[in-house]
Amino acid sequence: MDYFISTVTDQELKKEKQKARELRKTQWWKGKCAKGACYYCGKAVMPSELTMDHVVPIIRGGKSAKNNIVPACKECNNQKNHSLPLEWEEHLERIKKEQLD
């Protein structure tokens, strides 16, 4: 399914990435990672191995705000790439269905 892709300027992208870098330094982010679990698959991961993922990617119009950032394992973060939540859910459903077939 094709979804609208937001046009984000280089300046906006740079600004949001800088905000994300600043959030990585906060106690809030350290607390999120201390739980040691991927937001998407729930797999136990060493806190230092968790990556920061934007639920709605910056390139798709998402912001670097606490309500849009989650810890993710590298595998989920790489597979999700620039997917919106609905697209990611559809991907996970396809995988489940393929495993059952």
C-alpha atoms as a PDB file:
ATOM      1  CA  MET A   1       0.000   0.000   0.000  1.00  0.00           C
ATOM      2  CA  ASP A   2       1.356   3.427  -0.880  1.00  0.00           C
ATOM      3  CA  TYR A   3       1.152   6.208   1.668  1.00  0.00           C
ATOM      4  CA  PHE A   4       1.774   9.918   1.344  1.00  0.00           C
ATOM      5  CA  ILE A   5       5.404  10.799   1.988  1.00  0.00           C
ATOM      6  CA  SER A   6       5.901  14.166   3.636  1.00  0.00           C
ATOM      7  CA  THR A   7       8.421  16.565   2.167  1.00  0.00           C
ATOM      8  CA  VAL A   8      10.816  17.659   4.882  1.00  0.00           C
ATOM      9  CA  THR A   9      13.444  20.257   4.144  1.00  0.00           C
ATOM     10  CA  ASP A  10      17.110  19.602   4.881  1.00  0.00           C
ATOM     11  CA  GLN A  11      16.963  22.345   7.501  1.00  0.00           C
ATOM     12  CA  GLU A  12      13.992  20.714   9.287  1.00  0.00           C
ATOM     13  CA  LEU A  13      15.696  17.316   9.127  1.00  0.00           C
ATOM     14  CA  LYS A  14      18.891  18.736  10.613  1.00  0.00           C
ATOM     15  CA  LYS A  15      16.953  20.500  13.391  1.00  0.00           C
ATOM     16  CA  GLU A  16      15.052  17.344  14.394  1.00  0.00           C
ATOM     17  CA  LYS A  17      18.193  15.189  14.338  1.00  0.00           C
ATOM     18  CA  GLN A  18      19.890  17.688  16.650  1.00  0.00           C
ATOM     19  CA  LYS A  19      16.902  17.518  19.029  1.00  0.00           C
ATOM     20  CA  ALA A  20      17.208  13.714  18.998  1.00  0.00           C
ATOM     21  CA  ARG A  21      20.914  13.911  19.853  1.00  0.00           C
ATOM     22  CA  GLU A  22      20.056  16.157  22.794  1.00  0.00           C
ATOM     23  CA  LEU A  23      17.311  13.795  24.001  1.00  0.00           C
ATOM     24  CA  ARG A  24      19.803  10.888  23.944  1.00  0.00           C
ATOM     25  CA  LYS A  25      21.727  12.644  26.713  1.00  0.00           C
ATOM     26  CA  THR A  26      18.746  12.967  29.068  1.00  0.00           C
ATOM     27  CA  GLN A  27      17.800  10.887  32.095  1.00  0.00           C
ATOM     28  CA  TRP A  28      14.445  10.282  30.400  1.00  0.00           C
ATOM     29  CA  TRP A  29      16.135   8.433  27.519  1.00  0.00           C
ATOM     30  CA  LYS A  30      18.518   6.583  29.831  1.00  0.00           C
ATOM     31  CA  GLY A  31      15.487   5.421  31.819  1.00  0.00           C
ATOM     32  CA  LYS A  32      13.757   4.191  28.649  1.00  0.00           C
ATOM     33  CA  CYS A  33      16.841   2.197  27.673  1.00  0.00           C
ATOM     34  CA  ALA A  34      17.433   0.877  31.202  1.00  0.00           C
ATOM     35  CA  LYS A  35      14.343  -1.328  30.783  1.00  0.00           C
ATOM     36  CA  GLY A  36      16.375  -3.250  28.203  1.00  0.00           C
ATOM     37  CA  ALA A  37      13.527  -4.083  25.847  1.00  0.00           C
ATOM     38  CA  CYS A  38      12.718  -3.275  22.235  1.00  0.00           C
ATOM     39  CA  TYR A  39       9.489  -1.300  21.901  1.00  0.00           C
ATOM     40  CA  TYR A  40       8.484  -3.249  18.793  1.00  0.00           C
ATOM     41  CA  CYS A  41       9.399  -6.903  19.356  1.00  0.00           C
ATOM     42  CA  GLY A  42       9.790  -6.856  23.138  1.00  0.00           C
ATOM     43  CA  LYS A  43      13.096  -8.721  22.899  1.00  0.00           C
ATOM     44  CA  ALA A  44      15.485  -8.248  25.822  1.00  0.00           C
ATOM     45  CA  VAL A  45      18.414  -6.133  24.654  1.00  0.00           C
ATOM     46  CA  MET A  46      21.376  -4.679  26.504  1.00  0.00           C
ATOM     47  CA  PRO A  47      20.546  -1.004  27.133  1.00  0.00           C
ATOM     48  CA  SER A  48      23.703   0.056  25.291  1.00  0.00           C
ATOM     49  CA  GLU A  49      22.534  -1.884  22.221  1.00  0.00           C
ATOM     50  CA  LEU A  50      19.139  -0.151  21.950  1.00  0.00           C
ATOM     51  CA  THR A  51      18.731   2.451  19.232  1.00  0.00           C
ATOM     52  CA  MET A  52      16.504   5.507  19.170  1.00  0.00           C
ATOM     53  CA  ASP A  53      13.584   5.179  16.776  1.00  0.00           C
ATOM     54  CA  HIS A  54      11.075   7.808  15.734  1.00  0.00           C
ATOM     55  CA  VAL A  55       7.660   6.102  15.610  1.00  0.00           C
ATOM     56  CA  VAL A  56       6.699   8.564  12.883  1.00  0.00           C
ATOM     57  CA  PRO A  57      10.025   9.055  11.059  1.00  0.00           C
ATOM     58  CA  ILE A  58      11.396  12.571  10.726  1.00  0.00           C
ATOM     59  CA  ILE A  59      11.476  12.209   6.948  1.00  0.00           C
ATOM     60  CA  ARG A  60       7.734  11.444   7.079  1.00  0.00           C
ATOM     61  CA  GLY A  61       6.933  14.510   9.204  1.00  0.00           C
ATOM     62  CA  GLY A  62       7.645  13.122  12.697  1.00  0.00           C
ATOM     63  CA  LYS A  63       9.289  15.177  15.397  1.00  0.00           C
ATOM     64  CA  SER A  64      12.029  14.480  17.922  1.00  0.00           C
ATOM     65  CA  ALA A  65       9.670  14.601  20.890  1.00  0.00           C
ATOM     66  CA  LYS A  66       9.255  12.219  23.819  1.00  0.00           C
ATOM     67  CA  ASN A  67       5.893  11.001  22.541  1.00  0.00           C
ATOM     68  CA  ASN A  68       7.438  10.003  19.193  1.00  0.00           C
ATOM     69  CA  ILE A  69      10.674   8.330  20.301  1.00  0.00           C
ATOM     70  CA  VAL A  70      11.099   4.747  21.493  1.00  0.00           C
ATOM     71  CA  PRO A  71      13.997   2.369  22.146  1.00  0.00           C
ATOM     72  CA  ALA A  72      14.319  -0.321  19.477  1.00  0.00           C
ATOM     73  CA  CYS A  73      16.656  -3.191  18.757  1.00  0.00           C
ATOM     74  CA  LYS A  74      18.831  -2.635  15.696  1.00  0.00           C
ATOM     75  CA  GLU A  75      16.984  -5.333  13.753  1.00  0.00           C
ATOM     76  CA  CYS A  76      13.540  -3.743  14.229  1.00  0.00           C
ATOM     77  CA  ASN A  77      14.876  -0.228  13.642  1.00  0.00           C
ATOM     78  CA  ASN A  78      16.538  -1.282  10.381  1.00  0.00           C
ATOM     79  CA  GLN A  79      13.497  -3.205   9.165  1.00  0.00           C
ATOM     80  CA  LYS A  80      11.063  -0.424  10.087  1.00  0.00           C
ATOM     81  CA  ASN A  81      13.245   2.126   8.300  1.00  0.00           C
ATOM     82  CA  HIS A  82      10.948   5.030   7.281  1.00  0.00           C
ATOM     83  CA  SER A  83       7.655   3.185   7.790  1.00  0.00           C
ATOM     84  CA  LEU A  84       4.696   4.827   9.434  1.00  0.00           C
ATOM     85  CA  PRO A  85       3.071   2.888  12.306  1.00  0.00           C
ATOM     86  CA  LEU A  86       0.289   1.557  10.051  1.00  0.00           C
ATOM     87  CA  GLU A  87       2.795   0.380   7.436  1.00  0.00           C
ATOM     88  CA  TRP A  88       4.918  -1.312  10.120  1.00  0.00           C
ATOM     89  CA  GLU A  89       1.873  -3.101  11.560  1.00  0.00           C
ATOM     90  CA  GLU A  90       0.973  -4.369   8.082  1.00  0.00           C
ATOM     91  CA  HIS A  91       4.550  -5.629   7.680  1.00  0.00           C
ATOM     92  CA  LEU A  92       4.401  -7.490  11.002  1.00  0.00           C
ATOM     93  CA  GLU A  93       1.038  -9.030  10.091  1.00  0.00           C
ATOM     94  CA  ARG A  94       2.441 -10.265   6.756  1.00  0.00           C
ATOM     95  CA  ILE A  95       5.373 -11.882   8.570  1.00  0.00           C
ATOM     96  CA  LYS A  96       3.035 -13.623  11.036  1.00  0.00           C
ATOM     97  CA  LYS A  97       0.848 -14.869   8.199  1.00  0.00           C
ATOM     98  CA  GLU A  98       3.869 -16.188   6.244  1.00  0.00           C
ATOM     99  CA  GLN A  99       5.088 -18.045   9.344  1.00  0.00           C
ATOM    100  CA  LEU A 100       1.706 -19.757   9.677  1.00  0.00           C
ATOM    101  CA  ASP A 101       1.549 -20.848   6.021  1.00  0.00           C
END
